[in-house]
Amino acid sequence: MGRVEGQNPRRTGAEVVDFDEAMLDACAPRERAELAAEAELLASVFAPRRRPGDLTRMAAQLAAGERHAGPARPHVRRLAATLKRLARAA
């Protein structure tokens, strides 16, 4: 099959999208603020030194939690993404 006019056979670029960031950006500002407050509370208890590695491990544990957790699962996933964001800012 021949090449279609105007179609470039090689793509010149790709966009890499961070799923966690996109998921948080899709949240309403109030929800992001609530998630940030909850993440700060968890971090103050379980990672008081705010070391990025500690925060990232916390996020990984939350994200790897029960897949059949029902309606709470999306919230837990967003909370894990918020902890990752907190780790990047640390």
C-alpha atoms as a PDB file:
ATOM      1  CA  MET A   1       0.000   0.000   0.000  1.00  0.00           C
ATOM      2  CA  GLY A   2       1.362   3.410  -0.901  1.00  0.00           C
ATOM      3  CA  ARG A   3       2.003   6.413   1.208  1.00  0.00           C
ATOM      4  CA  VAL A   4      -0.842   8.890   1.657  1.00  0.00           C
ATOM      5  CA  GLU A   5       0.023  12.444   0.624  1.00  0.00           C
ATOM      6  CA  GLY A   6       0.715  14.736   3.535  1.00  0.00           C
ATOM      7  CA  GLN A   7       1.384  11.855   5.878  1.00  0.00           C
ATOM      8  CA  ASN A   8       4.835  11.699   7.400  1.00  0.00           C
ATOM      9  CA  PRO A   9       5.942   8.076   7.836  1.00  0.00           C
ATOM     10  CA  ARG A  10       8.220   9.034  10.766  1.00  0.00           C
ATOM     11  CA  ARG A  11       6.853  10.694  13.826  1.00  0.00           C
ATOM     12  CA  THR A  12       9.104  13.435  15.068  1.00  0.00           C
ATOM     13  CA  GLY A  13       8.069  13.600  18.688  1.00  0.00           C
ATOM     14  CA  ALA A  14       6.164  11.990  21.473  1.00  0.00           C
ATOM     15  CA  GLU A  15       4.592  13.302  24.599  1.00  0.00           C
ATOM     16  CA  VAL A  16       5.175  11.453  27.828  1.00  0.00           C
ATOM     17  CA  VAL A  17       2.306  11.864  30.241  1.00  0.00           C
ATOM     18  CA  ASP A  18       2.653  11.212  33.949  1.00  0.00           C
ATOM     19  CA  PHE A  19      -0.587   9.431  34.796  1.00  0.00           C
ATOM     20  CA  ASP A  20      -0.513  10.488  38.445  1.00  0.00           C
ATOM     21  CA  GLU A  21      -0.043  14.150  37.573  1.00  0.00           C
ATOM     22  CA  ALA A  22      -2.786  13.990  34.948  1.00  0.00           C
ATOM     23  CA  MET A  23      -5.130  12.326  37.427  1.00  0.00           C
ATOM     24  CA  LEU A  24      -4.487  15.021  40.037  1.00  0.00           C
ATOM     25  CA  ASP A  25      -4.785  17.821  37.493  1.00  0.00           C
ATOM     26  CA  ALA A  26      -8.215  16.451  36.576  1.00  0.00           C
ATOM     27  CA  CYS A  27      -9.419  16.853  40.171  1.00  0.00           C
ATOM     28  CA  ALA A  28     -11.315  19.908  41.287  1.00  0.00           C
ATOM     29  CA  PRO A  29      -9.177  22.437  43.201  1.00  0.00           C
ATOM     30  CA  ARG A  30     -11.005  21.706  46.452  1.00  0.00           C
ATOM     31  CA  GLU A  31     -10.385  17.971  46.108  1.00  0.00           C
ATOM     32  CA  ARG A  32      -6.678  18.589  45.392  1.00  0.00           C
ATOM     33  CA  ALA A  33      -6.493  20.743  48.538  1.00  0.00           C
ATOM     34  CA  GLU A  34      -8.164  18.024  50.617  1.00  0.00           C
ATOM     35  CA  LEU A  35      -5.811  15.388  49.198  1.00  0.00           C
ATOM     36  CA  ALA A  36      -2.814  17.602  49.931  1.00  0.00           C
ATOM     37  CA  ALA A  37      -3.956  18.079  53.538  1.00  0.00           C
ATOM     38  CA  GLU A  38      -4.479  14.335  53.952  1.00  0.00           C
ATOM     39  CA  ALA A  39      -1.072  13.580  52.426  1.00  0.00           C
ATOM     40  CA  GLU A  40       0.573  16.122  54.735  1.00  0.00           C
ATOM     41  CA  LEU A  41      -1.085  14.487  57.730  1.00  0.00           C
ATOM     42  CA  LEU A  42       0.091  11.017  56.692  1.00  0.00           C
ATOM     43  CA  ALA A  43       3.579  12.310  55.997  1.00  0.00           C
ATOM     44  CA  SER A  44       3.790  14.042  59.375  1.00  0.00           C
ATOM     45  CA  VAL A  45       3.006  10.741  61.102  1.00  0.00           C
ATOM     46  CA  PHE A  46       4.813   8.184  58.919  1.00  0.00           C
ATOM     47  CA  ALA A  47       7.577  10.253  57.276  1.00  0.00           C
ATOM     48  CA  PRO A  48       8.199  13.233  59.550  1.00  0.00           C
ATOM     49  CA  ARG A  49      11.565  13.997  57.943  1.00  0.00           C
ATOM     50  CA  ARG A  50       9.874  14.332  54.537  1.00  0.00           C
ATOM     51  CA  ARG A  51      12.547  12.311  52.773  1.00  0.00           C
ATOM     52  CA  PRO A  52      11.504  11.725  49.155  1.00  0.00           C
ATOM     53  CA  GLY A  53      12.297   8.013  49.410  1.00  0.00           C
ATOM     54  CA  ASP A  54      10.059   7.577  52.430  1.00  0.00           C
ATOM     55  CA  LEU A  55       7.196   9.442  50.785  1.00  0.00           C
ATOM     56  CA  THR A  56       7.607   7.476  47.559  1.00  0.00           C
ATOM     57  CA  ARG A  57       7.532   4.176  49.471  1.00  0.00           C
ATOM     58  CA  MET A  58       4.364   5.272  51.257  1.00  0.00           C
ATOM     59  CA  ALA A  59       2.786   6.118  47.916  1.00  0.00           C
ATOM     60  CA  ALA A  60       3.823   2.759  46.450  1.00  0.00           C
ATOM     61  CA  GLN A  61       2.311   0.885  49.386  1.00  0.00           C
ATOM     62  CA  LEU A  62      -0.965   2.739  49.018  1.00  0.00           C
ATOM     63  CA  ALA A  63      -1.053   2.257  45.248  1.00  0.00           C
ATOM     64  CA  ALA A  64      -0.336  -1.462  45.613  1.00  0.00           C
ATOM     65  CA  GLY A  65      -3.103  -1.943  48.155  1.00  0.00           C
ATOM     66  CA  GLU A  66      -6.200  -4.028  47.663  1.00  0.00           C
ATOM     67  CA  ARG A  67      -7.465  -3.770  44.116  1.00  0.00           C
ATOM     68  CA  HIS A  68     -10.978  -4.747  45.151  1.00  0.00           C
ATOM     69  CA  ALA A  69     -11.265  -2.083  47.841  1.00  0.00           C
ATOM     70  CA  GLY A  70     -14.481  -0.839  46.307  1.00  0.00           C
ATOM     71  CA  PRO A  71     -15.469   2.820  46.239  1.00  0.00           C
ATOM     72  CA  ALA A  72     -12.509   3.935  48.366  1.00  0.00           C
ATOM     73  CA  ARG A  73      -9.962   2.687  45.814  1.00  0.00           C
ATOM     74  CA  PRO A  74     -10.015   5.790  43.550  1.00  0.00           C
ATOM     75  CA  HIS A  75      -9.475   8.040  46.568  1.00  0.00           C
ATOM     76  CA  VAL A  76      -6.568   5.916  47.776  1.00  0.00           C
ATOM     77  CA  ARG A  77      -5.037   6.021  44.279  1.00  0.00           C
ATOM     78  CA  ARG A  78      -5.312   9.834  44.184  1.00  0.00           C
ATOM     79  CA  LEU A  79      -3.830  10.035  47.686  1.00  0.00           C
ATOM     80  CA  ALA A  80      -0.855   7.939  46.542  1.00  0.00           C
ATOM     81  CA  ALA A  81      -0.376  10.287  43.600  1.00  0.00           C
ATOM     82  CA  THR A  82      -0.466  13.243  45.981  1.00  0.00           C
ATOM     83  CA  LEU A  83       2.220  11.647  48.145  1.00  0.00           C
ATOM     84  CA  LYS A  84       4.378  11.207  45.034  1.00  0.00           C
ATOM     85  CA  ARG A  85       3.880  14.879  44.237  1.00  0.00           C
ATOM     86  CA  LEU A  86       4.893  15.743  47.797  1.00  0.00           C
ATOM     87  CA  ALA A  87       8.005  13.574  47.404  1.00  0.00           C
ATOM     88  CA  ARG A  88       8.997  15.418  44.222  1.00  0.00           C
ATOM     89  CA  ALA A  89       8.595  18.748  46.012  1.00  0.00           C
ATOM     90  CA  ALA A  90      10.723  17.611  48.986  1.00  0.00           C
END
